[in-house]
C-alpha atoms as a PDB file:
ATOM      1  CA  MET A   1       8.770   7.104   4.421  1.00  0.00           C
ATOM      2  CA  ALA A   2       5.479   6.788   3.189  1.00  0.00           C
ATOM      3  CA  ALA A   3       6.608   5.683  -0.401  1.00  0.00           C
ATOM      4  CA  SER A   4       8.934   2.901   1.008  1.00  0.00           C
ATOM      5  CA  GLN A   5       5.613   1.511   3.012  1.00  0.00           C
ATOM      6  CA  ALA A   6       4.030   1.627  -0.357  1.00  0.00           C
ATOM      7  CA  SER A   7       6.861  -0.015  -1.937  1.00  0.00           C
ATOM      8  CA  LEU A   8       7.075  -3.016   0.284  1.00  0.00           C
ATOM      9  CA  LEU A   9       3.342  -3.330   0.078  1.00  0.00           C
ATOM     10  CA  LEU A  10       2.518  -2.993  -3.063  1.00  0.00           C
ATOM     11  CA  GLN A  11       5.743  -6.001  -3.470  1.00  0.00           C
ATOM     12  CA  LYS A  12       4.104  -8.481  -0.680  1.00  0.00           C
ATOM     13  CA  GLN A  13       0.538  -8.062  -2.922  1.00  0.00           C
ATOM     14  CA  LEU A  14       2.810  -8.656  -6.013  1.00  0.00           C
ATOM     15  CA  ARG A  15       4.302 -11.381  -4.764  1.00  0.00           C
ATOM     16  CA  ASN A  16       0.540 -13.012  -3.015  1.00  0.00           C
ATOM     17  CA  LEU A  17      -0.557 -12.719  -6.597  1.00  0.00           C
ATOM     18  CA  CYS A  18       2.313 -14.869  -8.436  1.00  0.00           C
ATOM     19  CA  LYS A  19       1.292 -17.429  -5.596  1.00  0.00           C
ATOM     20  CA  ASN A  20      -2.006 -17.079  -6.002  1.00  0.00           C
ATOM     21  CA  PRO A  21      -2.938 -16.577  -9.038  1.00  0.00           C
ATOM     22  CA  VAL A  22      -7.087 -15.530  -9.237  1.00  0.00           C
ATOM     23  CA  ASP A  23      -8.894 -16.604 -11.808  1.00  0.00           C
ATOM     24  CA  GLY A  24     -10.101 -13.652 -14.609  1.00  0.00           C
ATOM     25  CA  PHE A  25      -6.928 -11.751 -14.593  1.00  0.00           C
ATOM     26  CA  SER A  26      -2.892 -11.540 -14.176  1.00  0.00           C
ATOM     27  CA  ALA A  27      -0.857  -8.601 -12.810  1.00  0.00           C
ATOM     28  CA  GLY A  28       2.667  -7.737 -13.218  1.00  0.00           C
ATOM     29  CA  LEU A  29       4.936  -4.823 -13.354  1.00  0.00           C
ATOM     30  CA  ILE A  30       5.540  -2.619 -16.248  1.00  0.00           C
ATOM     31  CA  ASP A  31       8.739  -2.458 -14.915  1.00  0.00           C
ATOM     32  CA  GLU A  32      10.758  -4.340 -12.619  1.00  0.00           C
ATOM     33  CA  ASN A  33      12.013  -1.178 -10.688  1.00  0.00           C
ATOM     34  CA  ASN A  34       9.031   0.428 -10.511  1.00  0.00           C
ATOM     35  CA  VAL A  35       6.654  -1.395  -7.852  1.00  0.00           C
ATOM     36  CA  PHE A  36       3.718   1.435  -8.483  1.00  0.00           C
ATOM     37  CA  GLU A  37       3.359   1.049 -12.316  1.00  0.00           C
ATOM     38  CA  TRP A  38       1.288  -2.404 -12.547  1.00  0.00           C
ATOM     39  CA  ASN A  39       0.123  -4.031 -16.439  1.00  0.00           C
ATOM     40  CA  VAL A  40      -2.808  -5.797 -15.736  1.00  0.00           C
ATOM     41  CA  THR A  41      -4.731  -8.539 -18.546  1.00  0.00           C
ATOM     42  CA  ILE A  42      -8.411  -9.073 -17.538  1.00  0.00           C
ATOM     43  CA  ILE A  43      -9.921 -12.154 -19.275  1.00  0.00           C
ATOM     44  CA  GLY A  44     -13.959 -11.109 -20.144  1.00  0.00           C
ATOM     45  CA  PRO A  45     -16.285 -12.500 -17.587  1.00  0.00           C
ATOM     46  CA  PRO A  46     -18.427 -15.428 -18.763  1.00  0.00           C
ATOM     47  CA  ASP A  47     -21.607 -14.857 -19.977  1.00  0.00           C
ATOM     48  CA  THR A  48     -21.240 -11.192 -20.346  1.00  0.00           C
ATOM     49  CA  LEU A  49     -20.534  -9.346 -23.720  1.00  0.00           C
ATOM     50  CA  TYR A  50     -17.061  -9.359 -22.673  1.00  0.00           C
ATOM     51  CA  GLU A  51     -16.763 -13.301 -22.479  1.00  0.00           C
ATOM     52  CA  GLY A  52     -13.633 -14.306 -24.690  1.00  0.00           C
ATOM     53  CA  GLY A  53     -12.024 -10.830 -24.394  1.00  0.00           C
ATOM     54  CA  PHE A  54      -8.592 -10.108 -23.079  1.00  0.00           C
ATOM     55  CA  PHE A  55      -8.571  -6.621 -22.107  1.00  0.00           C
ATOM     56  CA  ASN A  56      -5.173  -4.799 -21.062  1.00  0.00           C
ATOM     57  CA  ALA A  57      -5.196  -1.661 -18.197  1.00  0.00           C
ATOM     58  CA  THR A  58      -2.860  -0.119 -16.474  1.00  0.00           C
ATOM     59  CA  MET A  59      -2.946   0.636 -12.870  1.00  0.00           C
ATOM     60  CA  SER A  60      -0.706   3.462 -11.386  1.00  0.00           C
ATOM     61  CA  PHE A  61      -0.326   3.729  -7.119  1.00  0.00           C
ATOM     62  CA  PRO A  62       0.272   6.907  -5.598  1.00  0.00           C
ATOM     63  CA  GLN A  63       3.269   7.513  -3.677  1.00  0.00           C
ATOM     64  CA  ASN A  64       1.025   7.503  -0.121  1.00  0.00           C
ATOM     65  CA  TYR A  65      -0.957   3.887  -1.143  1.00  0.00           C
ATOM     66  CA  PRO A  66      -2.803   2.799   0.139  1.00  0.00           C
ATOM     67  CA  VAL A  67      -4.075   6.031   1.652  1.00  0.00           C
ATOM     68  CA  SER A  68      -5.420   6.732  -1.620  1.00  0.00           C
ATOM     69  CA  PRO A  69      -6.575   4.847  -4.492  1.00  0.00           C
ATOM     70  CA  PRO A  70      -4.767   4.184  -7.620  1.00  0.00           C
ATOM     71  CA  THR A  71      -5.489   5.160 -11.004  1.00  0.00           C
ATOM     72  CA  VAL A  72      -6.175   2.210 -13.248  1.00  0.00           C
ATOM     73  CA  ARG A  73      -6.541   2.869 -17.242  1.00  0.00           C
ATOM     74  CA  PHE A  74      -7.464  -0.015 -19.680  1.00  0.00           C
ATOM     75  CA  THR A  75      -4.978   0.691 -22.794  1.00  0.00           C
ATOM     76  CA  SER A  76      -7.248  -2.123 -24.874  1.00  0.00           C
ATOM     77  CA  GLU A  77     -10.192  -0.240 -26.264  1.00  0.00           C
ATOM     78  CA  VAL A  78     -13.283  -0.956 -23.826  1.00  0.00           C
ATOM     79  CA  TRP A  79     -16.714  -0.046 -24.875  1.00  0.00           C
ATOM     80  CA  HIS A  80     -18.300   0.809 -21.476  1.00  0.00           C
ATOM     81  CA  PRO A  81     -20.292   3.415 -19.502  1.00  0.00           C
ATOM     82  CA  ASN A  82     -18.044   2.984 -16.881  1.00  0.00           C
ATOM     83  CA  VAL A  83     -14.958   3.622 -18.511  1.00  0.00           C
ATOM     84  CA  TYR A  84     -14.048   6.951 -20.088  1.00  0.00           C
ATOM     85  CA  ALA A  85     -12.955   7.326 -23.885  1.00  0.00           C
ATOM     86  CA  ASN A  86      -9.086   7.337 -22.586  1.00  0.00           C
ATOM     87  CA  GLY A  87      -9.462   4.365 -20.906  1.00  0.00           C
ATOM     88  CA  LYS A  88      -9.791   5.267 -17.234  1.00  0.00           C
ATOM     89  CA  VAL A  89     -11.867   3.145 -14.771  1.00  0.00           C
ATOM     90  CA  CYS A  90     -14.921   4.916 -12.648  1.00  0.00           C
ATOM     91  CA  ILE A  91     -15.712   3.186 -10.100  1.00  0.00           C
ATOM     92  CA  SER A  92     -16.672   3.968  -6.477  1.00  0.00           C
ATOM     93  CA  ILE A  93     -13.689   2.159  -4.673  1.00  0.00           C
ATOM     94  CA  LEU A  94     -11.192   4.393  -6.563  1.00  0.00           C
ATOM     95  CA  HIS A  95     -12.512   7.265  -6.081  1.00  0.00           C
ATOM     96  CA  PRO A  96     -10.806   9.635  -3.040  1.00  0.00           C
ATOM     97  CA  PRO A  97     -11.898   8.375   0.261  1.00  0.00           C
ATOM     98  CA  GLY A  98     -14.530  10.547   2.405  1.00  0.00           C
ATOM     99  CA  ASP A  99     -17.857  12.070   1.236  1.00  0.00           C
ATOM    100  CA  ASP A 100     -18.892  12.501  -2.238  1.00  0.00           C
ATOM    101  CA  PRO A 101     -18.605  15.901  -3.241  1.00  0.00           C
ATOM    102  CA  ASN A 102     -21.458  15.734  -5.414  1.00  0.00           C
ATOM    103  CA  GLY A 103     -23.477  13.684  -3.091  1.00  0.00           C
ATOM    104  CA  TYR A 104     -23.800  10.378  -5.346  1.00  0.00           C
ATOM    105  CA  GLU A 105     -21.525   7.799  -3.611  1.00  0.00           C
ATOM    106  CA  LEU A 106     -21.405   6.995   0.206  1.00  0.00           C
ATOM    107  CA  ALA A 107     -18.080   7.251   2.215  1.00  0.00           C
ATOM    108  CA  THR A 108     -18.428   3.548   2.629  1.00  0.00           C
ATOM    109  CA  GLU A 109     -18.619   2.764  -1.307  1.00  0.00           C
ATOM    110  CA  ARG A 110     -15.295   4.972  -1.775  1.00  0.00           C
ATOM    111  CA  TRP A 111     -12.064   4.097  -1.405  1.00  0.00           C
ATOM    112  CA  SER A 112     -10.720   2.107   1.595  1.00  0.00           C
ATOM    113  CA  PRO A 113      -6.868   0.814   2.697  1.00  0.00           C
ATOM    114  CA  VAL A 114      -8.109  -2.436   2.755  1.00  0.00           C
ATOM    115  CA  HIS A 115      -8.534  -2.561  -1.028  1.00  0.00           C
ATOM    116  CA  THR A 116      -5.839  -4.621  -2.497  1.00  0.00           C
ATOM    117  CA  VAL A 117      -4.612  -5.166  -6.437  1.00  0.00           C
ATOM    118  CA  GLU A 118      -7.065  -8.407  -5.949  1.00  0.00           C
ATOM    119  CA  SER A 119      -9.968  -6.690  -4.697  1.00  0.00           C
ATOM    120  CA  ILE A 120      -9.937  -3.546  -6.941  1.00  0.00           C
ATOM    121  CA  VAL A 121      -9.119  -5.688 -10.155  1.00  0.00           C
ATOM    122  CA  LEU A 122     -11.765  -8.494  -9.109  1.00  0.00           C
ATOM    123  CA  SER A 123     -14.426  -5.022  -8.436  1.00  0.00           C
ATOM    124  CA  ILE A 124     -13.175  -4.075 -12.531  1.00  0.00           C
ATOM    125  CA  ILE A 125     -14.221  -7.925 -13.182  1.00  0.00           C
ATOM    126  CA  SER A 126     -17.657  -7.026 -11.747  1.00  0.00           C
ATOM    127  CA  MET A 127     -18.232  -3.922 -13.378  1.00  0.00           C
ATOM    128  CA  LEU A 128     -17.712  -5.836 -16.819  1.00  0.00           C
ATOM    129  CA  SER A 129     -20.613  -8.177 -15.755  1.00  0.00           C
ATOM    130  CA  SER A 130     -22.768  -5.353 -14.404  1.00  0.00           C
ATOM    131  CA  PRO A 131     -22.667  -1.974 -15.683  1.00  0.00           C
ATOM    132  CA  ASN A 132     -23.564   1.074 -13.860  1.00  0.00           C
ATOM    133  CA  ASP A 133     -25.476   3.238 -16.334  1.00  0.00           C
ATOM    134  CA  GLU A 134     -26.991   5.571 -13.494  1.00  0.00           C
ATOM    135  CA  SER A 135     -23.594   6.866 -13.633  1.00  0.00           C
ATOM    136  CA  PRO A 136     -21.582   6.742 -17.208  1.00  0.00           C
ATOM    137  CA  ALA A 137     -17.976   8.106 -17.635  1.00  0.00           C
ATOM    138  CA  ASN A 138     -17.728   7.127 -21.253  1.00  0.00           C
ATOM    139  CA  VAL A 139     -18.269  11.077 -22.248  1.00  0.00           C
ATOM    140  CA  ASP A 140     -15.943  10.519 -25.872  1.00  0.00           C
ATOM    141  CA  ALA A 141     -16.618   6.888 -26.839  1.00  0.00           C
ATOM    142  CA  ALA A 142     -16.729   6.339 -30.479  1.00  0.00           C
ATOM    143  CA  HIS A 143     -16.486   9.869 -30.928  1.00  0.00           C
ATOM    144  CA  PHE A 144     -20.037  11.041 -29.794  1.00  0.00           C
ATOM    145  CA  ASN A 145     -20.242  14.509 -28.837  1.00  0.00           C
ATOM    146  CA  ILE A 146     -21.361  16.333 -26.004  1.00  0.00           C
ATOM    147  CA  PHE A 147     -24.776  14.248 -25.521  1.00  0.00           C
ATOM    148  CA  LEU A 148     -23.225  10.776 -25.296  1.00  0.00           C
ATOM    149  CA  ILE A 149     -23.649  10.423 -21.588  1.00  0.00           C
ATOM    150  CA  GLU A 150     -27.392  10.740 -22.964  1.00  0.00           C
ATOM    151  CA  HIS A 151     -27.385   8.525 -25.997  1.00  0.00           C
ATOM    152  CA  LEU A 152     -25.359   5.590 -23.852  1.00  0.00           C
ATOM    153  CA  GLN A 153     -27.328   5.875 -21.215  1.00  0.00           C
ATOM    154  CA  LYS A 154     -30.297   5.605 -24.042  1.00  0.00           C
ATOM    155  CA  GLN A 155     -28.239   3.188 -25.362  1.00  0.00           C
ATOM    156  CA  TRP A 156     -27.255   0.580 -22.638  1.00  0.00           C
ATOM    157  CA  ARG A 157     -31.284   0.736 -21.777  1.00  0.00           C
ATOM    158  CA  GLU A 158     -33.094   0.536 -24.854  1.00  0.00           C
ATOM    159  CA  ASN A 159     -30.933  -0.098 -27.827  1.00  0.00           C
ATOM    160  CA  ARG A 160     -28.712  -3.363 -26.340  1.00  0.00           C
ATOM    161  CA  ASP A 161     -28.067  -4.994 -29.940  1.00  0.00           C
ATOM    162  CA  GLU A 162     -26.355  -1.855 -31.058  1.00  0.00           C
ATOM    163  CA  PHE A 163     -24.293  -1.781 -27.344  1.00  0.00           C
ATOM    164  CA  LYS A 164     -23.471  -5.428 -27.992  1.00  0.00           C
ATOM    165  CA  LYS A 165     -22.136  -5.028 -31.374  1.00  0.00           C
ATOM    166  CA  LYS A 166     -20.066  -2.359 -29.738  1.00  0.00           C
ATOM    167  CA  VAL A 167     -18.600  -4.599 -27.035  1.00  0.00           C
ATOM    168  CA  SER A 168     -18.088  -7.531 -29.679  1.00  0.00           C
ATOM    169  CA  ARG A 169     -15.522  -5.139 -31.820  1.00  0.00           C
ATOM    170  CA  CYS A 170     -13.624  -4.794 -28.820  1.00  0.00           C
ATOM    171  CA  VAL A 171     -13.924  -8.497 -27.882  1.00  0.00           C
ATOM    172  CA  ARG A 172     -12.518  -9.238 -30.622  1.00  0.00           C
ATOM    173  CA  LYS A 173      -9.991  -6.736 -30.842  1.00  0.00           C
ATOM    174  CA  SER A 174      -8.565  -7.518 -28.024  1.00  0.00           C
ATOM    175  CA  GLN A 175      -8.264 -11.499 -29.413  1.00  0.00           C
ATOM    176  CA  GLU A 176      -6.384 -10.259 -32.307  1.00  0.00           C
ATOM    177  CA  MET A 177      -3.684  -8.581 -29.842  1.00  0.00           C
ATOM    178  CA  MET A 178      -2.907 -11.112 -28.015  1.00  0.00           C
END
């Protein structure tokens, strides 16, 4: 029963996005027969390092959506402190509801069933504009070793030129893929 409710909700959200497209991204099903797997293309936000880029991602929804959050994974290369090397997006609203076992996030910052595909993608666009360097996820980016977290935090804070070069390479690569 939960899967059919999730399916109906996702179908409704897809219809709404088709009727009322949102600036900054496009979304649709990967396979017309599976409403739980979406493809999203995010346009790099203006006035950011990602401007001009086209970044593809998949959204995988659990059968009990919206009780549990989807997983979002970039399929385009994205150099960002809050994106793991495998492309998985790490933002609070995609973390399971309830208290954070590590004590870093408030329960109110985590997943809530009120979120929609639109609010999730807009949060990711916001993440691209304002990286959270206090909680980096990018442990393996650019084939660094285990010290990457410290390196990436330091790079973001102290060596913006190097960071900008890597982001620019990702933007160019995303444009070539279109």
